[in-house]
Amino acid sequence: MIIKGKIWKLKDNIDTDVIIPARYLNTSDPQELALHCLEDYDPEFMNKMEQGDIIVAGNNFGCGSSREHAPIALKAAGISCVIAKSFARIFFRNAINIGLPIFESEKVVEECVLGDRLEVNSVEGTIKNLTRGRVYKINPLPKFVQKIILAGGLMEYVKEELGLSSKD
């Protein structure tokens, strides 16, 4: 899987309440959640970002409560992937479960800046900074995780494995 997009650079310890404020948790509609993605971090985020953009963040991304709403909001907002120095464990699993690609790389976080364009190859395990001409090695996602993400999340993956269509 190849992912290309422009970077939005965030700090350390972005918690799930920053990703999707708790006041919007009365819905599980992805499109409604997307409208409020990161609005307490940057009220204009959704007006400035474009489909396919990439979040690059520091340590402990997705800390806080264990709600699935946070990765759902990011994915529905059009974020193509998140690259961070580290992720909160439950956020990491929730992101995979809903089909949001996430990668860990200290070098990318340290050396890339807001607006840089990246190309992520999840199979080869590389991230290219197209703006600066640098290539970073990352651990490729395990094949079963790649299949979950390509299917659109764990539920769709299980349906495919069982031979069920998404209409069943």
N, C-alpha and C. Protein backbone atom coordinates (compact mmCIF):
# COMPACT_ATOMS: atom_id res chain seq x y z
N MET A 1 0.85 -1.17 0.00
CA MET A 1 0.00 0.00 0.00
C MET A 1 0.90 1.24 0.00
N ILE A 2 0.62 2.15 -0.93
CA ILE A 2 1.34 3.41 -1.04
C ILE A 2 0.40 4.53 -0.59
N ILE A 3 0.88 5.36 0.32
CA ILE A 3 0.11 6.49 0.84
C ILE A 3 0.92 7.75 0.58
N LYS A 4 0.28 8.76 0.00
CA LYS A 4 0.95 10.04 -0.23
C LYS A 4 0.11 11.15 0.37
N GLY A 5 0.79 12.11 0.99
CA GLY A 5 0.05 13.24 1.54
C GLY A 5 0.96 14.28 2.16
N LYS A 6 0.33 15.38 2.51
CA LYS A 6 1.01 16.51 3.14
C LYS A 6 0.94 16.34 4.66
N ILE A 7 1.99 16.76 5.33
CA ILE A 7 2.11 16.61 6.78
C ILE A 7 1.39 17.71 7.54
N TRP A 8 0.71 17.26 8.61
CA TRP A 8 0.25 18.14 9.69
C TRP A 8 1.03 17.70 10.92
N LYS A 9 1.82 18.58 11.47
CA LYS A 9 2.71 18.24 12.57
C LYS A 9 2.04 18.57 13.90
N LEU A 10 1.96 17.56 14.78
CA LEU A 10 1.37 17.73 16.11
C LEU A 10 2.40 17.40 17.17
N LYS A 11 2.13 17.83 18.38
CA LYS A 11 3.07 17.67 19.49
C LYS A 11 2.93 16.30 20.17
N ASP A 12 3.62 16.13 21.30
CA ASP A 12 3.50 14.93 22.14
C ASP A 12 2.15 14.90 22.85
N ASN A 13 1.75 13.71 23.27
CA ASN A 13 0.60 13.49 24.16
C ASN A 13 -0.72 14.05 23.63
N ILE A 14 -0.96 13.87 22.35
CA ILE A 14 -2.26 14.25 21.79
C ILE A 14 -3.25 13.18 22.24
N ASP A 15 -4.17 13.56 23.12
CA ASP A 15 -5.08 12.55 23.66
C ASP A 15 -6.37 12.47 22.84
N THR A 16 -7.15 11.45 23.13
CA THR A 16 -8.36 11.21 22.35
C THR A 16 -9.37 12.34 22.50
N ASP A 17 -9.34 13.06 23.62
CA ASP A 17 -10.23 14.22 23.79
C ASP A 17 -9.82 15.39 22.90
N VAL A 18 -8.56 15.45 22.54
CA VAL A 18 -8.10 16.48 21.60
C VAL A 18 -8.47 16.06 20.17
N ILE A 19 -8.33 14.77 19.86
CA ILE A 19 -8.67 14.28 18.53
C ILE A 19 -10.15 14.46 18.25
N ILE A 20 -11.01 14.05 19.19
CA ILE A 20 -12.45 14.27 19.07
C ILE A 20 -12.96 14.64 20.46
N PRO A 21 -13.30 15.90 20.67
CA PRO A 21 -13.75 16.34 22.00
C PRO A 21 -14.95 15.53 22.50
N ALA A 22 -14.95 15.27 23.80
CA ALA A 22 -15.98 14.43 24.43
C ALA A 22 -17.38 14.95 24.20
N ARG A 23 -17.55 16.25 24.00
CA ARG A 23 -18.89 16.81 23.80
C ARG A 23 -19.56 16.31 22.52
N TYR A 24 -18.78 15.66 21.63
CA TYR A 24 -19.35 15.14 20.38
C TYR A 24 -19.54 13.62 20.40
N LEU A 25 -19.38 13.02 21.55
CA LEU A 25 -19.48 11.57 21.64
C LEU A 25 -20.91 11.05 21.73
N ASN A 26 -21.86 11.92 21.53
CA ASN A 26 -23.25 11.47 21.52
C ASN A 26 -23.65 10.90 20.16
N THR A 27 -22.68 10.82 19.25
CA THR A 27 -22.91 10.20 17.95
C THR A 27 -21.76 9.25 17.63
N SER A 28 -22.05 8.26 16.82
CA SER A 28 -20.98 7.40 16.31
C SER A 28 -20.91 7.50 14.79
N ASP A 29 -21.63 8.49 14.22
CA ASP A 29 -21.61 8.71 12.79
C ASP A 29 -20.24 9.26 12.37
N PRO A 30 -19.49 8.53 11.56
CA PRO A 30 -18.14 8.97 11.19
C PRO A 30 -18.10 10.36 10.57
N GLN A 31 -19.05 10.69 9.71
CA GLN A 31 -19.03 12.00 9.05
C GLN A 31 -19.28 13.14 10.04
N GLU A 32 -20.13 12.90 11.01
CA GLU A 32 -20.38 13.91 12.05
C GLU A 32 -19.14 14.09 12.93
N LEU A 33 -18.49 12.98 13.29
CA LEU A 33 -17.27 13.06 14.08
C LEU A 33 -16.17 13.80 13.32
N ALA A 34 -16.08 13.55 12.02
CA ALA A 34 -15.05 14.18 11.20
C ALA A 34 -15.16 15.70 11.22
N LEU A 35 -16.36 16.20 11.30
CA LEU A 35 -16.56 17.66 11.32
C LEU A 35 -15.85 18.33 12.48
N HIS A 36 -15.62 17.58 13.55
CA HIS A 36 -15.05 18.15 14.78
C HIS A 36 -13.65 17.63 15.09
N CYS A 37 -13.06 16.96 14.14
CA CYS A 37 -11.73 16.37 14.33
C CYS A 37 -10.69 17.46 14.64
N LEU A 38 -10.01 17.31 15.75
CA LEU A 38 -8.94 18.20 16.20
C LEU A 38 -9.36 19.66 16.37
N GLU A 39 -10.64 19.93 16.52
CA GLU A 39 -11.08 21.33 16.59
C GLU A 39 -10.60 22.04 17.85
N ASP A 40 -10.36 21.33 18.95
CA ASP A 40 -9.83 21.99 20.14
C ASP A 40 -8.32 22.23 20.02
N TYR A 41 -7.64 21.53 19.16
CA TYR A 41 -6.21 21.72 18.90
C TYR A 41 -6.02 22.89 17.93
N ASP A 42 -6.83 22.88 16.87
CA ASP A 42 -6.79 23.93 15.86
C ASP A 42 -8.21 24.06 15.30
N PRO A 43 -8.95 25.10 15.70
CA PRO A 43 -10.34 25.25 15.26
C PRO A 43 -10.52 25.26 13.74
N GLU A 44 -9.47 25.59 13.00
CA GLU A 44 -9.55 25.65 11.54
C GLU A 44 -9.00 24.40 10.86
N PHE A 45 -8.64 23.39 11.63
CA PHE A 45 -7.99 22.20 11.06
C PHE A 45 -8.79 21.62 9.89
N MET A 46 -10.06 21.39 10.09
CA MET A 46 -10.87 20.75 9.04
C MET A 46 -11.04 21.64 7.81
N ASN A 47 -10.90 22.94 7.96
CA ASN A 47 -10.97 23.84 6.81
C ASN A 47 -9.65 23.90 6.05
N LYS A 48 -8.54 23.58 6.72
CA LYS A 48 -7.22 23.67 6.11
C LYS A 48 -6.73 22.34 5.54
N MET A 49 -7.10 21.23 6.18
CA MET A 49 -6.56 19.94 5.73
C MET A 49 -7.24 19.48 4.44
N GLU A 50 -6.56 18.58 3.73
CA GLU A 50 -7.09 18.02 2.49
C GLU A 50 -7.15 16.51 2.60
N GLN A 51 -8.04 15.90 1.85
CA GLN A 51 -8.14 14.45 1.82
C GLN A 51 -6.76 13.86 1.53
N GLY A 52 -6.38 12.86 2.32
CA GLY A 52 -5.11 12.19 2.12
C GLY A 52 -3.96 12.75 2.93
N ASP A 53 -4.18 13.86 3.64
CA ASP A 53 -3.11 14.42 4.46
C ASP A 53 -2.68 13.43 5.54
N ILE A 54 -1.49 13.65 6.06
CA ILE A 54 -0.85 12.75 7.03
C ILE A 54 -0.57 13.51 8.31
N ILE A 55 -0.90 12.91 9.44
CA ILE A 55 -0.54 13.49 10.73
C ILE A 55 0.80 12.89 11.16
N VAL A 56 1.71 13.77 11.56
CA VAL A 56 3.00 13.38 12.15
C VAL A 56 3.02 13.97 13.55
N ALA A 57 3.17 13.11 14.55
CA ALA A 57 3.06 13.56 15.94
C ALA A 57 4.18 12.97 16.79
N GLY A 58 4.29 13.50 17.99
CA GLY A 58 5.34 13.07 18.92
C GLY A 58 5.00 11.78 19.63
N ASN A 59 5.39 11.73 20.88
CA ASN A 59 5.19 10.55 21.71
C ASN A 59 3.75 10.43 22.20
N ASN A 60 3.33 9.19 22.41
CA ASN A 60 2.08 8.87 23.11
C ASN A 60 0.83 9.38 22.40
N PHE A 61 0.83 9.32 21.07
CA PHE A 61 -0.34 9.78 20.33
C PHE A 61 -1.53 8.89 20.65
N GLY A 62 -2.69 9.50 20.89
CA GLY A 62 -3.90 8.75 21.17
C GLY A 62 -4.05 8.32 22.61
N CYS A 63 -3.31 8.95 23.52
CA CYS A 63 -3.44 8.61 24.94
C CYS A 63 -4.81 9.06 25.45
N GLY A 64 -5.12 8.74 26.67
CA GLY A 64 -6.41 9.13 27.23
C GLY A 64 -7.39 7.98 27.20
N SER A 65 -8.65 8.31 27.02
CA SER A 65 -9.68 7.27 27.07
C SER A 65 -9.58 6.36 25.85
N SER A 66 -10.17 5.20 25.98
CA SER A 66 -9.99 4.14 24.98
C SER A 66 -11.05 4.14 23.88
N ARG A 67 -11.66 5.26 23.63
CA ARG A 67 -12.76 5.29 22.67
C ARG A 67 -12.29 5.10 21.22
N GLU A 68 -13.10 4.37 20.46
CA GLU A 68 -12.84 4.18 19.03
C GLU A 68 -13.14 5.44 18.23
N HIS A 69 -13.89 6.36 18.83
CA HIS A 69 -14.29 7.57 18.11
C HIS A 69 -13.08 8.34 17.56
N ALA A 70 -11.95 8.31 18.26
CA ALA A 70 -10.79 9.10 17.85
C ALA A 70 -10.23 8.64 16.49
N PRO A 71 -9.86 7.36 16.33
CA PRO A 71 -9.38 6.98 15.00
C PRO A 71 -10.47 7.05 13.93
N ILE A 72 -11.72 6.83 14.31
CA ILE A 72 -12.82 6.95 13.34
C ILE A 72 -12.90 8.39 12.83
N ALA A 73 -12.79 9.36 13.74
CA ALA A 73 -12.84 10.77 13.34
C ALA A 73 -11.70 11.12 12.39
N LEU A 74 -10.49 10.65 12.70
CA LEU A 74 -9.34 10.92 11.83
C LEU A 74 -9.54 10.33 10.44
N LYS A 75 -9.94 9.07 10.40
CA LYS A 75 -10.12 8.40 9.11
C LYS A 75 -11.24 9.07 8.31
N ALA A 76 -12.36 9.35 8.95
CA ALA A 76 -13.49 9.97 8.26
C ALA A 76 -13.16 11.39 7.80
N ALA A 77 -12.26 12.06 8.52
CA ALA A 77 -11.84 13.41 8.14
C ALA A 77 -10.98 13.40 6.88
N GLY A 78 -10.44 12.22 6.53
CA GLY A 78 -9.62 12.11 5.34
C GLY A 78 -8.14 11.95 5.61
N ILE A 79 -7.77 11.80 6.87
CA ILE A 79 -6.36 11.55 7.21
C ILE A 79 -6.00 10.17 6.67
N SER A 80 -4.93 10.09 5.87
CA SER A 80 -4.56 8.82 5.24
C SER A 80 -3.76 7.92 6.15
N CYS A 81 -3.01 8.51 7.08
CA CYS A 81 -2.26 7.72 8.06
C CYS A 81 -1.72 8.65 9.14
N VAL A 82 -1.27 8.04 10.23
CA VAL A 82 -0.64 8.78 11.32
C VAL A 82 0.74 8.16 11.55
N ILE A 83 1.73 9.03 11.64
CA ILE A 83 3.09 8.62 11.97
C ILE A 83 3.44 9.32 13.26
N ALA A 84 3.90 8.57 14.25
CA ALA A 84 4.24 9.16 15.54
C ALA A 84 5.48 8.47 16.11
N LYS A 85 6.08 9.13 17.10
CA LYS A 85 7.19 8.49 17.80
C LYS A 85 6.69 7.26 18.54
N SER A 86 5.50 7.38 19.15
CA SER A 86 4.87 6.24 19.83
C SER A 86 3.38 6.49 19.93
N PHE A 87 2.64 5.40 20.13
CA PHE A 87 1.18 5.45 20.24
C PHE A 87 0.75 4.85 21.57
N ALA A 88 -0.35 5.36 22.10
CA ALA A 88 -0.99 4.69 23.22
C ALA A 88 -1.47 3.32 22.71
N ARG A 89 -1.33 2.30 23.52
CA ARG A 89 -1.60 0.92 23.07
C ARG A 89 -3.03 0.73 22.59
N ILE A 90 -3.99 1.25 23.32
CA ILE A 90 -5.39 1.03 22.92
C ILE A 90 -5.69 1.81 21.64
N PHE A 91 -5.17 3.02 21.50
CA PHE A 91 -5.38 3.77 20.26
C PHE A 91 -4.79 2.99 19.08
N PHE A 92 -3.60 2.44 19.27
CA PHE A 92 -2.95 1.68 18.20
C PHE A 92 -3.87 0.57 17.70
N ARG A 93 -4.41 -0.21 18.63
CA ARG A 93 -5.28 -1.32 18.25
C ARG A 93 -6.60 -0.82 17.65
N ASN A 94 -7.18 0.23 18.22
CA ASN A 94 -8.41 0.77 17.67
C ASN A 94 -8.20 1.29 16.25
N ALA A 95 -7.06 1.91 15.99
CA ALA A 95 -6.77 2.42 14.64
C ALA A 95 -6.71 1.26 13.64
N ILE A 96 -6.01 0.21 13.98
CA ILE A 96 -5.95 -0.97 13.10
C ILE A 96 -7.35 -1.54 12.91
N ASN A 97 -8.10 -1.66 13.99
CA ASN A 97 -9.45 -2.25 13.91
C ASN A 97 -10.38 -1.49 12.97
N ILE A 98 -10.20 -0.18 12.84
CA ILE A 98 -11.08 0.57 11.96
C ILE A 98 -10.43 0.85 10.60
N GLY A 99 -9.20 0.36 10.42
CA GLY A 99 -8.54 0.47 9.12
C GLY A 99 -7.76 1.75 8.89
N LEU A 100 -7.28 2.39 9.97
CA LEU A 100 -6.46 3.59 9.84
C LEU A 100 -4.99 3.20 9.96
N PRO A 101 -4.20 3.34 8.89
CA PRO A 101 -2.78 2.97 8.97
C PRO A 101 -2.00 3.87 9.92
N ILE A 102 -1.18 3.27 10.78
CA ILE A 102 -0.35 4.03 11.71
C ILE A 102 1.05 3.43 11.73
N PHE A 103 2.04 4.29 11.88
CA PHE A 103 3.44 3.88 11.81
C PHE A 103 4.24 4.62 12.86
N GLU A 104 5.26 3.98 13.40
CA GLU A 104 6.15 4.62 14.36
C GLU A 104 7.48 4.94 13.69
N SER A 105 7.96 6.17 13.89
CA SER A 105 9.26 6.58 13.38
C SER A 105 9.72 7.85 14.09
N GLU A 106 10.75 7.72 14.89
CA GLU A 106 11.30 8.90 15.56
C GLU A 106 11.94 9.85 14.56
N LYS A 107 12.67 9.31 13.58
CA LYS A 107 13.38 10.14 12.60
C LYS A 107 12.42 11.00 11.78
N VAL A 108 11.32 10.40 11.32
CA VAL A 108 10.35 11.17 10.53
C VAL A 108 9.81 12.31 11.36
N VAL A 109 9.46 12.03 12.61
CA VAL A 109 8.90 13.08 13.48
C VAL A 109 9.92 14.18 13.71
N GLU A 110 11.17 13.81 13.92
CA GLU A 110 12.21 14.80 14.22
C GLU A 110 12.63 15.63 13.00
N GLU A 111 12.61 15.02 11.81
CA GLU A 111 13.19 15.67 10.64
C GLU A 111 12.18 16.27 9.66
N CYS A 112 10.93 15.95 9.79
CA CYS A 112 9.92 16.47 8.86
C CYS A 112 9.17 17.64 9.49
N VAL A 113 8.71 18.54 8.63
CA VAL A 113 8.02 19.74 9.13
C VAL A 113 6.66 19.89 8.45
N LEU A 114 5.84 20.72 9.06
CA LEU A 114 4.51 21.02 8.53
C LEU A 114 4.60 21.35 7.05
N GLY A 115 3.77 20.69 6.26
CA GLY A 115 3.71 20.96 4.83
C GLY A 115 4.56 20.06 3.96
N ASP A 116 5.54 19.37 4.54
CA ASP A 116 6.32 18.41 3.75
C ASP A 116 5.37 17.38 3.16
N ARG A 117 5.72 16.84 2.00
CA ARG A 117 4.93 15.78 1.38
C ARG A 117 5.66 14.46 1.57
N LEU A 118 4.91 13.45 2.00
CA LEU A 118 5.47 12.12 2.26
C LEU A 118 4.86 11.09 1.34
N GLU A 119 5.62 10.02 1.11
CA GLU A 119 5.12 8.82 0.45
C GLU A 119 5.47 7.64 1.36
N VAL A 120 4.45 6.96 1.86
CA VAL A 120 4.62 5.84 2.77
C VAL A 120 4.36 4.56 2.00
N ASN A 121 5.33 3.64 2.04
CA ASN A 121 5.14 2.32 1.44
C ASN A 121 5.09 1.32 2.59
N SER A 122 3.88 0.89 2.93
CA SER A 122 3.71 0.02 4.11
C SER A 122 4.20 -1.39 3.87
N VAL A 123 4.35 -1.81 2.62
CA VAL A 123 4.82 -3.15 2.32
C VAL A 123 6.35 -3.20 2.41
N GLU A 124 7.01 -2.22 1.79
CA GLU A 124 8.47 -2.18 1.82
C GLU A 124 9.01 -1.66 3.14
N GLY A 125 8.19 -0.90 3.86
CA GLY A 125 8.65 -0.32 5.11
C GLY A 125 9.50 0.92 4.91
N THR A 126 9.06 1.81 4.00
CA THR A 126 9.79 3.05 3.77
C THR A 126 8.86 4.25 3.82
N ILE A 127 9.42 5.36 4.25
CA ILE A 127 8.74 6.65 4.17
C ILE A 127 9.69 7.58 3.44
N LYS A 128 9.23 8.14 2.34
CA LYS A 128 10.03 9.10 1.57
C LYS A 128 9.49 10.50 1.84
N ASN A 129 10.38 11.40 2.20
CA ASN A 129 10.02 12.80 2.28
C ASN A 129 10.26 13.36 0.88
N LEU A 130 9.20 13.53 0.12
CA LEU A 130 9.30 13.99 -1.26
C LEU A 130 9.76 15.44 -1.34
N THR A 131 9.50 16.23 -0.31
CA THR A 131 9.91 17.63 -0.27
C THR A 131 11.41 17.76 -0.06
N ARG A 132 11.97 16.94 0.81
CA ARG A 132 13.38 17.07 1.20
C ARG A 132 14.29 16.01 0.60
N GLY A 133 13.70 15.03 -0.11
CA GLY A 133 14.51 14.01 -0.76
C GLY A 133 15.16 13.02 0.19
N ARG A 134 14.52 12.73 1.30
CA ARG A 134 15.06 11.78 2.27
C ARG A 134 14.20 10.53 2.31
N VAL A 135 14.82 9.40 2.68
CA VAL A 135 14.10 8.13 2.81
C VAL A 135 14.37 7.58 4.20
N TYR A 136 13.30 7.12 4.84
CA TYR A 136 13.38 6.57 6.20
C TYR A 136 12.90 5.13 6.17
N LYS A 137 13.56 4.29 6.90
CA LYS A 137 13.17 2.88 7.03
C LYS A 137 12.28 2.74 8.25
N ILE A 138 11.17 2.04 8.09
CA ILE A 138 10.28 1.72 9.20
C ILE A 138 10.00 0.23 9.17
N ASN A 139 9.49 -0.29 10.27
CA ASN A 139 9.08 -1.69 10.26
C ASN A 139 7.79 -1.80 9.46
N PRO A 140 7.80 -2.65 8.42
CA PRO A 140 6.55 -2.80 7.67
C PRO A 140 5.47 -3.42 8.55
N LEU A 141 4.24 -3.08 8.26
CA LEU A 141 3.14 -3.68 9.01
C LEU A 141 3.09 -5.17 8.71
N PRO A 142 2.78 -5.99 9.72
CA PRO A 142 2.63 -7.42 9.45
C PRO A 142 1.56 -7.65 8.37
N LYS A 143 1.71 -8.71 7.61
CA LYS A 143 0.80 -8.98 6.50
C LYS A 143 -0.66 -9.02 6.93
N PHE A 144 -0.96 -9.64 8.09
CA PHE A 144 -2.35 -9.71 8.52
C PHE A 144 -2.90 -8.33 8.86
N VAL A 145 -2.06 -7.43 9.36
CA VAL A 145 -2.49 -6.05 9.65
C VAL A 145 -2.72 -5.31 8.34
N GLN A 146 -1.84 -5.52 7.36
CA GLN A 146 -2.04 -4.90 6.05
C GLN A 146 -3.37 -5.34 5.45
N LYS A 147 -3.72 -6.61 5.61
CA LYS A 147 -4.99 -7.13 5.08
C LYS A 147 -6.18 -6.46 5.78
N ILE A 148 -6.08 -6.27 7.09
CA ILE A 148 -7.15 -5.61 7.85
C ILE A 148 -7.34 -4.18 7.34
N ILE A 149 -6.24 -3.46 7.16
CA ILE A 149 -6.32 -2.08 6.71
C ILE A 149 -6.87 -2.00 5.29
N LEU A 150 -6.36 -2.86 4.40
CA LEU A 150 -6.85 -2.85 3.02
C LEU A 150 -8.33 -3.19 2.93
N ALA A 151 -8.81 -4.03 3.83
CA ALA A 151 -10.23 -4.39 3.85
C ALA A 151 -11.10 -3.25 4.36
N GLY A 152 -10.48 -2.28 5.03
CA GLY A 152 -11.24 -1.16 5.59
C GLY A 152 -11.50 -1.30 7.08
N GLY A 153 -10.89 -2.28 7.70
CA GLY A 153 -11.05 -2.49 9.13
C GLY A 153 -11.29 -3.95 9.46
N LEU A 154 -11.29 -4.24 10.74
CA LEU A 154 -11.41 -5.62 11.21
C LEU A 154 -12.73 -6.27 10.81
N MET A 155 -13.82 -5.54 10.94
CA MET A 155 -15.13 -6.12 10.61
C MET A 155 -15.20 -6.54 9.14
N GLU A 156 -14.75 -5.67 8.26
CA GLU A 156 -14.76 -5.99 6.83
C GLU A 156 -13.80 -7.13 6.51
N TYR A 157 -12.65 -7.15 7.19
CA TYR A 157 -11.68 -8.23 7.00
C TYR A 157 -12.30 -9.58 7.39
N VAL A 158 -12.98 -9.63 8.52
CA VAL A 158 -13.61 -10.87 8.98
C VAL A 158 -14.69 -11.30 7.98
N LYS A 159 -15.48 -10.36 7.51
CA LYS A 159 -16.50 -10.68 6.51
C LYS A 159 -15.87 -11.30 5.26
N GLU A 160 -14.76 -10.71 4.80
CA GLU A 160 -14.07 -11.25 3.63
C GLU A 160 -13.55 -12.66 3.91
N GLU A 161 -12.96 -12.85 5.09
CA GLU A 161 -12.42 -14.16 5.45
C GLU A 161 -13.51 -15.22 5.52
N LEU A 162 -14.71 -14.83 5.92
CA LEU A 162 -15.83 -15.75 6.03
C LEU A 162 -16.59 -15.90 4.71
N GLY A 163 -16.17 -15.13 3.69
CA GLY A 163 -16.83 -15.20 2.40
C GLY A 163 -18.16 -14.46 2.36
N LEU A 164 -18.36 -13.53 3.27
CA LEU A 164 -19.59 -12.75 3.30
C LEU A 164 -19.37 -11.43 2.59
N SER A 165 -20.38 -10.94 1.93
CA SER A 165 -20.26 -9.61 1.32
C SER A 165 -20.57 -8.58 2.39
N SER A 166 -20.20 -7.34 2.12
CA SER A 166 -20.47 -6.27 3.09
C SER A 166 -21.97 -5.98 3.20
N LYS A 167 -22.78 -6.55 2.30
CA LYS A 167 -24.23 -6.35 2.36
C LYS A 167 -24.91 -7.40 3.25
N ASP A 168 -24.18 -8.46 3.59
CA ASP A 168 -24.77 -9.53 4.43
C ASP A 168 -24.93 -9.11 5.85
